[in-house]
N, C-alpha and C. Protein backbone atom coordinates (compact mmCIF):
# COMPACT_ATOMS: atom_id res chain seq x y z
N MET A 1 -83.60 50.15 82.62
CA MET A 1 -83.56 49.67 84.13
C MET A 1 -84.66 49.07 84.80
N ARG A 2 -85.34 49.10 85.34
CA ARG A 2 -86.32 48.36 86.26
C ARG A 2 -87.13 49.63 87.23
N LYS A 3 -88.56 49.41 86.80
CA LYS A 3 -89.07 49.93 88.04
C LYS A 3 -89.13 49.69 89.12
N GLU A 4 -89.09 48.68 89.25
CA GLU A 4 -89.41 47.59 90.84
C GLU A 4 -88.52 46.60 91.14
N LEU A 5 -88.30 46.01 91.58
CA LEU A 5 -87.66 45.25 92.11
C LEU A 5 -88.23 44.21 93.71
N GLY A 6 -88.56 42.30 93.36
CA GLY A 6 -89.00 42.20 94.84
C GLY A 6 -88.05 41.10 95.31
N ILE A 7 -87.57 40.71 96.65
CA ILE A 7 -87.35 40.65 96.69
C ILE A 7 -87.48 39.44 97.90
N LEU A 8 -87.88 37.95 97.62
CA LEU A 8 -88.18 37.28 98.70
C LEU A 8 -87.37 36.39 99.45
N VAL A 9 -87.06 36.77 100.79
CA VAL A 9 -85.86 35.19 101.15
C VAL A 9 -86.73 34.74 102.35
N MET A 10 -86.35 33.36 102.69
CA MET A 10 -86.66 32.30 103.13
C MET A 10 -86.05 31.53 104.19
N GLU A 11 -85.93 31.48 104.81
CA GLU A 11 -85.00 31.37 106.10
C GLU A 11 -85.30 29.74 107.09
N ASN A 12 -84.75 28.90 107.00
CA ASN A 12 -85.45 27.99 108.08
C ASN A 12 -84.18 27.97 109.06
N GLU A 13 -85.32 27.06 110.10
CA GLU A 13 -84.41 27.26 111.59
C GLU A 13 -83.18 27.26 111.70
N LYS A 14 -83.06 25.86 110.34
CA LYS A 14 -80.53 26.47 110.82
C LYS A 14 -80.13 27.09 110.73
N GLY A 15 -80.48 28.59 109.76
CA GLY A 15 -80.38 29.36 109.09
C GLY A 15 -80.20 29.43 108.29
N GLU A 16 -80.52 28.63 106.99
CA GLU A 16 -80.22 28.64 105.62
C GLU A 16 -80.99 29.14 104.99
N VAL A 17 -80.47 30.29 104.05
CA VAL A 17 -81.50 30.96 103.38
C VAL A 17 -81.96 30.44 102.20
N ALA A 18 -82.62 30.78 101.42
CA ALA A 18 -82.91 31.06 99.74
C ALA A 18 -83.72 32.61 99.65
N VAL A 19 -83.43 32.38 98.60
CA VAL A 19 -83.52 34.46 98.00
C VAL A 19 -83.99 33.84 96.80
N GLN A 20 -85.37 34.87 95.86
CA GLN A 20 -86.03 34.76 95.05
C GLN A 20 -86.40 36.28 94.17
N LEU A 21 -86.14 36.64 93.42
CA LEU A 21 -86.10 38.21 92.50
C LEU A 21 -86.72 37.88 91.97
N PHE A 22 -88.06 39.27 91.44
CA PHE A 22 -89.35 39.92 90.57
C PHE A 22 -89.46 40.76 90.15
N ALA A 23 -89.49 40.22 89.40
CA ALA A 23 -89.29 42.18 88.53
C ALA A 23 -90.95 42.78 89.03
N GLU A 24 -91.77 42.13 89.25
CA GLU A 24 -93.05 42.67 88.90
C GLU A 24 -93.22 42.97 90.74
N VAL A 25 -94.41 43.63 91.44
CA VAL A 25 -93.79 43.21 93.47
C VAL A 25 -95.30 43.04 93.79
N ALA A 26 -96.54 43.97 92.38
CA ALA A 26 -97.76 43.79 93.49
C ALA A 26 -97.81 42.77 93.55
N SER A 27 -98.49 41.80 92.62
CA SER A 27 -98.48 40.66 92.95
C SER A 27 -98.05 39.84 93.93
N VAL A 28 -96.88 39.85 94.15
CA VAL A 28 -95.89 38.89 95.30
C VAL A 28 -96.28 39.46 96.18
N GLU A 29 -96.49 41.27 96.61
CA GLU A 29 -96.88 41.45 97.42
C GLU A 29 -98.45 40.63 98.18
N ARG A 30 -99.63 40.73 97.35
CA ARG A 30 -100.86 40.09 97.71
C ARG A 30 -100.63 39.10 97.96
N ALA A 31 -100.16 37.87 97.44
CA ALA A 31 -99.35 36.55 97.79
C ALA A 31 -98.40 36.32 98.32
N PHE A 32 -98.10 37.06 98.96
CA PHE A 32 -97.47 37.21 100.24
C PHE A 32 -98.12 37.66 101.80
N VAL A 33 -99.09 38.25 101.76
CA VAL A 33 -100.09 38.54 102.65
C VAL A 33 -101.16 37.44 102.96
N ASP A 34 -100.66 36.36 101.81
CA ASP A 34 -101.65 34.81 101.72
C ASP A 34 -101.07 33.66 102.26
N LEU A 35 -99.39 34.02 102.60
CA LEU A 35 -98.37 32.98 102.41
C LEU A 35 -99.28 32.45 104.24
N LYS A 36 -99.36 30.87 103.80
CA LYS A 36 -99.26 30.48 105.04
C LYS A 36 -98.50 29.23 105.43
N GLY A 37 -97.86 28.45 104.39
CA GLY A 37 -97.53 27.16 105.39
C GLY A 37 -98.20 26.57 105.38
N SER A 38 -97.39 24.85 105.42
CA SER A 38 -97.95 24.00 105.66
C SER A 38 -98.15 23.90 106.98
N PRO A 39 -98.99 23.30 108.11
CA PRO A 39 -98.94 22.93 109.29
C PRO A 39 -97.78 21.52 109.79
N ALA A 40 -97.45 20.72 108.89
CA ALA A 40 -96.67 19.78 108.78
C ALA A 40 -94.95 20.28 108.28
N ASP A 41 -94.93 21.74 107.91
CA ASP A 41 -94.05 21.99 107.87
C ASP A 41 -92.59 22.66 108.90
N PRO A 42 -91.31 22.54 108.72
CA PRO A 42 -90.88 23.29 109.92
C PRO A 42 -91.18 24.73 110.22
N PRO A 43 -91.03 24.84 111.19
CA PRO A 43 -90.69 26.43 111.53
C PRO A 43 -89.27 27.39 110.31
N SER A 44 -90.28 28.65 110.14
CA SER A 44 -89.55 28.83 108.51
C SER A 44 -90.24 30.99 109.05
N ARG A 45 -89.09 31.94 108.50
CA ARG A 45 -89.62 32.71 108.45
C ARG A 45 -89.31 33.67 106.96
N ALA A 46 -90.68 34.05 106.52
CA ALA A 46 -90.85 34.36 105.34
C ALA A 46 -90.80 36.39 104.94
N THR A 47 -89.32 37.03 104.39
CA THR A 47 -89.63 38.10 104.23
C THR A 47 -89.05 38.70 102.91
N LEU A 48 -90.66 39.81 102.73
CA LEU A 48 -90.35 40.32 101.77
C LEU A 48 -89.34 41.11 101.37
N ILE A 49 -88.90 42.18 100.71
CA ILE A 49 -88.27 43.25 100.41
C ILE A 49 -88.70 43.92 99.38
N SER A 50 -89.48 45.19 99.07
CA SER A 50 -90.04 45.89 97.37
C SER A 50 -89.52 46.78 97.55
N MET A 51 -88.44 47.16 96.42
CA MET A 51 -88.12 48.46 96.26
C MET A 51 -88.33 48.74 94.46
N ARG A 52 -89.19 50.19 95.06
CA ARG A 52 -89.93 50.61 93.65
C ARG A 52 -88.79 51.81 93.46
N TYR A 53 -88.20 52.01 92.59
CA TYR A 53 -87.53 53.59 92.48
C TYR A 53 -88.05 54.37 91.83
N GLY A 54 -87.89 55.87 91.75
CA GLY A 54 -88.61 57.17 91.35
C GLY A 54 -88.05 57.05 90.30
N GLU A 55 -88.44 58.14 89.04
CA GLU A 55 -88.06 58.90 88.28
C GLU A 55 -86.14 59.22 88.38
N ASP A 56 -86.48 59.97 89.69
CA ASP A 56 -84.53 60.32 90.10
C ASP A 56 -84.09 59.49 90.31
N GLY A 57 -84.46 58.01 89.92
CA GLY A 57 -83.43 57.04 90.69
C GLY A 57 -83.79 57.03 91.84
N GLU A 58 -84.41 57.11 93.34
CA GLU A 58 -84.27 57.43 94.36
C GLU A 58 -85.00 55.87 94.55
N ALA A 59 -84.67 55.12 95.51
CA ALA A 59 -85.40 54.39 95.75
C ALA A 59 -86.73 53.94 96.98
N ASN A 60 -87.46 53.80 97.34
CA ASN A 60 -88.74 54.00 97.50
C ASN A 60 -88.67 51.86 98.15
N ILE A 61 -88.13 52.00 99.94
CA ILE A 61 -87.80 50.57 99.96
C ILE A 61 -89.15 49.79 101.44
N ALA A 62 -90.07 48.94 101.16
CA ALA A 62 -90.76 48.82 102.07
C ALA A 62 -90.64 47.27 101.92
N SER A 63 -90.31 46.72 103.49
CA SER A 63 -90.36 45.21 103.76
C SER A 63 -91.81 44.60 104.66
N MET A 64 -91.49 43.48 104.53
CA MET A 64 -92.66 43.09 105.16
C MET A 64 -91.83 40.93 105.68
N SER A 65 -92.74 40.47 107.24
CA SER A 65 -92.02 39.80 107.30
C SER A 65 -93.24 38.86 108.61
N ARG A 66 -92.72 37.43 108.34
CA ARG A 66 -94.20 36.77 108.47
C ARG A 66 -93.29 35.21 109.78
N MET A 67 -93.93 34.82 110.88
CA MET A 67 -93.12 33.06 110.82
C MET A 67 -93.46 32.26 110.42
N LEU A 68 -94.22 31.52 109.73
CA LEU A 68 -94.62 29.96 108.93
C LEU A 68 -94.52 28.93 109.97
N PRO A 69 -95.04 27.71 109.46
CA PRO A 69 -95.94 28.00 109.46
C PRO A 69 -97.10 28.90 110.08
N VAL A 70 -98.12 29.39 109.56
CA VAL A 70 -99.78 30.19 110.38
C VAL A 70 -100.33 29.38 110.66
N ILE A 71 -100.81 28.82 111.71
CA ILE A 71 -102.05 28.07 112.21
C ILE A 71 -102.83 28.87 113.08
N GLU A 72 -103.79 28.34 111.77
CA GLU A 72 -105.12 29.36 111.86
C GLU A 72 -106.09 28.59 113.08
N PRO A 73 -106.59 29.05 113.73
CA PRO A 73 -107.96 28.27 114.54
C PRO A 73 -108.72 27.27 114.40
N VAL A 74 -109.23 26.77 114.12
CA VAL A 74 -110.89 25.75 113.38
C VAL A 74 -111.75 27.34 113.10
N GLU A 75 -111.92 27.33 114.28
CA GLU A 75 -113.57 28.40 114.43
C GLU A 75 -112.92 29.21 112.51
N ASP A 76 -111.24 30.32 113.03
CA ASP A 76 -111.31 31.41 111.41
C ASP A 76 -111.62 30.26 110.55
N ARG A 77 -111.21 29.43 110.06
CA ARG A 77 -111.41 28.40 108.68
C ARG A 77 -112.40 28.54 108.13
N PRO A 78 -112.01 28.57 106.78
CA PRO A 78 -113.67 28.82 106.53
C PRO A 78 -114.33 27.61 105.45
N ASP A 79 -115.16 26.98 105.30
CA ASP A 79 -116.23 25.97 104.90
C ASP A 79 -115.78 25.54 104.25
N GLY A 80 -115.75 26.48 103.31
CA GLY A 80 -114.74 25.82 102.12
C GLY A 80 -114.42 27.04 100.49
N TYR A 81 -113.92 26.54 99.47
CA TYR A 81 -113.79 27.40 98.74
C TYR A 81 -114.75 27.37 97.07
N ARG A 82 -115.12 28.32 96.60
CA ARG A 82 -115.92 28.04 95.20
C ARG A 82 -114.40 28.57 94.99
N LEU A 83 -114.42 27.95 93.41
CA LEU A 83 -113.13 28.05 92.48
C LEU A 83 -113.57 29.97 91.96
N GLY A 84 -112.30 30.75 91.75
CA GLY A 84 -112.65 31.27 91.72
C GLY A 84 -113.06 32.62 92.08
N GLU A 85 -114.39 32.01 93.37
CA GLU A 85 -114.29 33.49 94.39
C GLU A 85 -113.39 33.12 95.49
N GLY A 86 -113.13 32.15 95.92
CA GLY A 86 -112.84 32.26 96.51
C GLY A 86 -112.94 31.28 98.30
N PRO A 87 -112.85 31.73 99.42
CA PRO A 87 -113.66 31.16 100.86
C PRO A 87 -114.53 31.27 100.84
N VAL A 88 -115.59 29.85 101.35
CA VAL A 88 -116.93 30.40 101.74
C VAL A 88 -117.16 30.27 103.52
N LYS A 89 -118.30 31.33 103.66
CA LYS A 89 -118.20 29.75 105.03
C LYS A 89 -119.62 30.20 104.87
N PHE A 90 -120.26 29.60 105.84
CA PHE A 90 -122.21 29.30 105.83
C PHE A 90 -122.14 29.52 107.58
N PRO A 91 -123.92 29.79 106.62
CA PRO A 91 -123.88 30.51 108.45
C PRO A 91 -124.45 29.48 109.15
N LYS A 92 -123.94 29.74 110.75
CA LYS A 92 -124.04 28.94 111.82
C LYS A 92 -125.45 28.96 112.34
N GLU A 93 -125.66 27.83 113.35
CA GLU A 93 -126.94 28.08 113.84
C GLU A 93 -126.70 28.22 116.03
N GLU A 94 -127.30 29.55 115.89
CA GLU A 94 -127.53 29.85 117.69
C GLU A 94 -127.65 28.13 117.99
N GLY A 95 -126.64 28.69 119.27
CA GLY A 95 -126.92 27.39 120.89
C GLY A 95 -127.27 26.16 119.48
N GLY A 96 -125.94 25.28 118.79
CA GLY A 96 -125.40 24.58 118.52
C GLY A 96 -126.92 23.47 118.11
N GLU A 97 -126.50 22.23 117.96
CA GLU A 97 -127.15 21.75 117.38
C GLU A 97 -128.51 21.16 118.04
N LYS A 98 -129.28 20.84 117.03
CA LYS A 98 -130.80 20.79 118.18
C LYS A 98 -131.37 18.99 118.17
N ASN A 99 -131.70 18.51 119.00
CA ASN A 99 -132.57 17.45 119.36
C ASN A 99 -133.48 16.89 119.63
N ASP A 100 -134.13 16.66 118.28
CA ASP A 100 -135.56 16.23 117.79
C ASP A 100 -136.07 14.69 118.66
């Protein structure tokens, strides 16, 4: 028997549902936190249900849900991505551009 199980439920605006099952939960939870969708995608809802079973067989159940796509303001977006390290932000000059 498995010690943990993850269930990802994706629901679109028409009410259609897709389900994925995962045997390992920790990596799916990390990926779910970063799930944003594409700005061109139609609205949808993602729900992750994580079940971890104890030695006595009792389940500890947690869930997370988010609406997609997540549109970030331009100011909050990183300036780029460094392979193997992730997002990079460059220091901004105070007061805007200088005209010489």
